[in-house]
């Protein structure tokens, strides 16, 4: 009897638990179903609201500008070219350098004067002198110009000659003409070729160049 009561109480407990689970499931189903229906209604209400946008007011166009007379555009004026103003050159400074001071000369006692030169000896100067004049004068006259001899022309030719340091005639000029060009030319030619002199000497006895005068006489035999 006690075992049967205990078994019935266990079955009763199980039945109560099952009933309780069924109620919980039904409640959960109802709750979730009602929540879904409520959310769906809210969404439909939100999506079906018409939002009316206000149209912007159209602004009236501005009035057209008044008619303006056709005036030519102002002339285009080119800007003036830049003016390069060269800077003024720097001033030139002239520096005057004073002349150097003269050197200082220290004067010492002057040396004694040199002894006077010995008195000069007798001068050895002399003029030019003819040497063997008879010999070379005869040779000049022997070379009588042929044309003058054929025409029997005679004459006396005065000449001035320059004698070098070796005693030979280096230059000759006619100082007195004979009147015959052939005789004048022959006289200077003969003096240059044949005349010999002892040259002139200076005070020390050294030979020097000098001049002398003589005459050549052309005479037919």
Protein backbone atom coordinates (compact mmCIF):
# COMPACT_ATOMS: atom_id res chain seq x y z
CA UNK A 1 0.00 0.00 0.00
CA UNK A 2 2.82 2.35 0.83
CA UNK A 3 4.67 1.40 -2.37
CA UNK A 4 1.59 2.22 -4.44
CA UNK A 5 1.21 5.58 -2.81
CA UNK A 6 4.84 6.36 -3.39
CA UNK A 7 4.59 5.50 -7.10
CA UNK A 8 1.53 7.64 -7.51
CA UNK A 9 3.22 10.60 -5.95
CA UNK A 10 6.18 10.27 -8.31
CA UNK A 11 3.91 10.18 -11.33
CA UNK A 12 2.10 13.16 -10.05
CA UNK A 13 5.31 15.10 -9.71
CA UNK A 14 6.31 14.22 -13.27
CA UNK A 15 2.93 15.24 -14.56
CA UNK A 16 3.21 18.58 -12.78
CA UNK A 17 6.64 19.19 -14.25
CA UNK A 18 5.41 18.40 -17.75
CA UNK A 19 2.42 20.70 -17.29
CA UNK A 20 4.70 23.41 -16.04
CA UNK A 21 7.01 23.06 -19.08
CA UNK A 22 3.99 23.17 -21.37
CA UNK A 23 2.83 26.40 -19.74
CA UNK A 24 6.31 27.87 -20.05
CA UNK A 25 6.52 26.98 -23.73
CA UNK A 26 3.05 28.34 -24.43
CA UNK A 27 3.85 31.49 -22.56
CA UNK A 28 7.12 31.95 -24.45
CA UNK A 29 5.30 31.37 -27.72
CA UNK A 30 2.64 33.89 -26.84
CA UNK A 31 5.15 36.43 -25.68
CA UNK A 32 7.31 36.11 -28.76
CA UNK A 33 4.30 36.09 -31.09
CA UNK A 34 2.78 39.18 -29.55
CA UNK A 35 6.13 40.96 -29.65
CA UNK A 36 6.55 40.14 -33.35
CA UNK A 37 3.04 41.38 -34.17
CA UNK A 38 3.59 44.58 -32.21
CA UNK A 39 6.94 45.22 -33.93
CA UNK A 40 5.42 44.61 -37.33
CA UNK A 41 2.64 47.10 -36.66
CA UNK A 42 5.12 49.70 -35.51
CA UNK A 43 7.26 49.21 -38.63
CA UNK A 44 4.21 49.50 -40.91
CA UNK A 45 3.12 52.66 -39.14
CA UNK A 46 6.56 54.20 -39.47
CA UNK A 47 6.97 53.35 -43.14
CA UNK A 48 3.54 54.58 -44.12
CA UNK A 49 3.95 58.10 -42.74
CA UNK A 50 3.90 60.59 -45.62
CA UNK A 51 6.44 63.35 -45.28
CA UNK A 52 5.42 66.38 -47.24
CA UNK A 53 8.35 68.54 -48.39
CA UNK A 54 7.76 72.21 -48.82
CA UNK A 55 8.53 73.48 -52.32
CA UNK A 56 11.03 76.35 -52.39
CA UNK A 57 9.64 79.64 -53.48
CA UNK A 58 10.62 80.61 -56.99
CA UNK A 59 12.56 83.85 -57.04
CA UNK A 60 11.61 86.40 -59.63
CA UNK A 61 14.30 87.02 -62.27
CA UNK A 62 16.08 90.36 -61.93
CA UNK A 63 15.03 93.11 -64.33
CA UNK A 64 17.18 93.44 -67.51
CA UNK A 65 19.92 96.11 -67.37
CA UNK A 66 19.14 99.41 -69.11
CA UNK A 67 20.41 99.81 -72.65
CA UNK A 68 23.94 101.27 -72.67
CA UNK A 69 25.37 103.15 -75.63
CA UNK A 70 27.99 101.33 -77.63
CA UNK A 71 31.21 102.98 -76.53
CA UNK A 72 34.58 101.81 -77.83
CA UNK A 73 36.78 100.10 -75.29
CA UNK A 74 39.44 102.32 -73.79
CA UNK A 75 42.77 102.22 -75.65
CA UNK A 76 45.36 99.92 -74.32
CA UNK A 77 48.30 101.95 -73.20
CA UNK A 78 51.54 100.06 -72.96
CA UNK A 79 53.47 100.82 -69.81
CA UNK A 80 56.61 102.89 -70.44
CA UNK A 81 59.85 100.93 -70.60
CA UNK A 82 61.84 100.88 -67.41
CA UNK A 83 64.51 103.54 -67.25
CA UNK A 84 67.82 102.26 -66.08
CA UNK A 85 69.53 104.96 -64.16
CA UNK A 86 73.16 104.04 -63.85
CA UNK A 87 74.57 104.96 -60.51
CA UNK A 88 77.06 107.76 -60.58
CA UNK A 89 80.67 106.56 -60.62
CA UNK A 90 82.46 106.89 -57.34
CA UNK A 91 84.50 110.04 -57.01
CA UNK A 92 88.11 109.72 -58.00
CA UNK A 93 90.42 110.60 -55.21
CA UNK A 94 93.73 112.00 -56.26
CA UNK A 95 96.48 111.19 -53.82
CA UNK A 96 99.45 113.47 -54.12
CA UNK A 97 102.54 111.73 -52.92
CA UNK A 98 105.14 114.19 -51.70
CA UNK A 99 108.57 113.79 -53.26
CA UNK A 100 111.02 111.81 -51.21
CA UNK A 101 113.23 113.76 -48.94
CA UNK A 102 116.70 114.34 -50.33
CA UNK A 103 119.30 112.00 -48.96
CA UNK A 104 121.35 113.27 -46.12
CA UNK A 105 124.91 113.77 -47.22
CA UNK A 106 127.45 113.56 -44.48
CA UNK A 107 130.38 115.67 -45.44
CA UNK A 108 133.73 114.39 -44.46
CA UNK A 109 137.07 115.96 -44.78
CA UNK A 110 137.91 116.34 -48.48
CA UNK A 111 140.97 114.47 -49.65
CA UNK A 112 144.03 116.49 -50.48
CA UNK A 113 144.11 117.81 -54.03
CA UNK A 114 145.90 115.75 -56.61
CA UNK A 115 149.35 116.95 -57.49
CA UNK A 116 149.45 119.07 -60.63
CA UNK A 117 150.36 117.22 -63.82
CA UNK A 118 153.90 117.52 -64.96
CA UNK A 119 154.54 120.31 -67.42
CA UNK A 120 153.82 119.17 -70.97
CA UNK A 121 156.73 118.36 -73.19
CA UNK A 122 157.29 119.81 -76.60
CA UNK A 123 154.36 119.25 -79.01
CA UNK A 124 154.89 116.71 -81.75
CA UNK A 125 152.14 118.07 -83.94
CA UNK A 126 152.90 118.81 -87.56
CA UNK A 127 151.08 119.11 -90.87
CA UNK A 128 150.96 116.74 -93.78
CA UNK A 129 154.06 116.62 -95.97
CA UNK A 130 154.58 115.36 -99.51
CA UNK A 131 156.66 112.23 -99.80
CA UNK A 132 158.81 111.73 -102.95
CA UNK A 133 156.73 114.38 -104.73
CA UNK A 134 158.98 114.49 -107.81
CA UNK A 135 158.48 110.80 -108.45
CA UNK A 136 154.67 110.64 -108.27
CA UNK A 137 154.23 114.09 -109.91
CA UNK A 138 156.13 112.85 -112.97
CA UNK A 139 153.91 109.77 -113.21
CA UNK A 140 150.79 111.96 -113.11
CA UNK A 141 152.09 114.18 -115.94
CA UNK A 142 153.14 111.13 -117.95
CA UNK A 143 149.50 109.96 -117.96
CA UNK A 144 148.58 112.92 -120.13
CA UNK A 145 144.98 112.68 -121.33
CA UNK A 146 145.10 111.35 -124.92
CA UNK A 147 142.40 113.62 -126.32
CA UNK A 148 143.90 116.73 -124.69
CA UNK A 149 147.36 115.81 -126.05
CA UNK A 150 145.97 115.26 -129.55
CA UNK A 151 144.30 118.65 -129.40
CA UNK A 152 147.46 120.13 -127.86
CA UNK A 153 145.66 121.44 -124.78
CA UNK A 154 147.75 122.47 -121.79
CA UNK A 155 146.85 123.81 -118.36
CA UNK A 156 147.38 124.04 -114.63
CA UNK A 157 144.97 122.22 -112.29
CA UNK A 158 144.77 123.22 -108.61
CA UNK A 159 143.55 120.40 -106.35
CA UNK A 160 142.73 119.96 -102.66
CA UNK A 161 143.25 116.48 -101.27
CA UNK A 162 142.52 114.67 -98.00
CA UNK A 163 145.36 112.51 -96.72
CA UNK A 164 144.60 109.61 -94.41
CA UNK A 165 146.66 108.29 -91.53
CA UNK A 166 148.46 105.92 -93.91
CA UNK A 167 149.65 108.81 -96.13
CA UNK A 168 147.39 107.97 -99.12
CA UNK A 169 144.92 110.39 -100.74
CA UNK A 170 141.37 109.48 -99.72
CA UNK A 171 139.55 112.37 -101.45
CA UNK A 172 140.31 114.98 -104.15
CA UNK A 173 138.50 118.05 -105.45
CA UNK A 174 139.45 120.67 -108.12
CA UNK A 175 140.09 124.01 -106.45
CA UNK A 176 141.27 125.76 -109.64
CA UNK A 177 140.25 124.48 -113.07
CA UNK A 178 142.51 124.40 -116.09
CA UNK A 179 139.61 125.07 -118.40
CA UNK A 180 139.78 121.54 -119.77
CA UNK A 181 137.56 118.89 -118.19
CA UNK A 182 139.92 116.16 -119.35
CA UNK A 183 142.89 117.71 -117.57
CA UNK A 184 140.88 118.39 -114.35
CA UNK A 185 139.66 114.81 -114.18
CA UNK A 186 143.10 113.39 -114.94
CA UNK A 187 144.68 115.49 -112.17
CA UNK A 188 142.39 114.14 -109.40
CA UNK A 189 142.65 110.60 -110.74
CA UNK A 190 146.47 110.78 -110.73
CA UNK A 191 146.61 112.25 -107.20
CA UNK A 192 144.44 109.44 -105.85
CA UNK A 193 146.50 106.73 -107.59
CA UNK A 194 150.09 107.95 -107.23
CA UNK A 195 150.47 110.70 -104.60
CA UNK A 196 152.06 109.75 -101.26
CA UNK A 197 152.40 111.85 -98.09
CA UNK A 198 153.69 111.70 -94.58
CA UNK A 199 150.49 112.05 -92.55
CA UNK A 200 149.93 114.91 -90.14
CA UNK A 201 150.55 114.29 -86.42
CA UNK A 202 148.77 115.50 -83.29
CA UNK A 203 150.48 116.89 -80.17
CA UNK A 204 151.28 113.40 -78.97
CA UNK A 205 152.80 112.43 -82.31
CA UNK A 206 149.89 110.20 -83.47
CA UNK A 207 149.04 110.26 -87.20
CA UNK A 208 145.76 111.99 -88.05
CA UNK A 209 143.76 112.69 -91.20
CA UNK A 210 144.42 116.11 -92.71
CA UNK A 211 144.02 118.12 -95.94
CA UNK A 212 146.50 119.85 -98.20
CA UNK A 213 146.52 121.67 -101.53
CA UNK A 214 148.81 121.36 -104.58
CA UNK A 215 148.81 121.91 -108.35
CA UNK A 216 149.42 119.69 -111.37
CA UNK A 217 150.83 121.36 -114.50
CA UNK A 218 150.08 119.72 -117.82
CA UNK A 219 152.59 120.91 -120.51
CA UNK A 220 153.44 119.34 -123.84
CA UNK A 221 157.16 119.03 -124.75
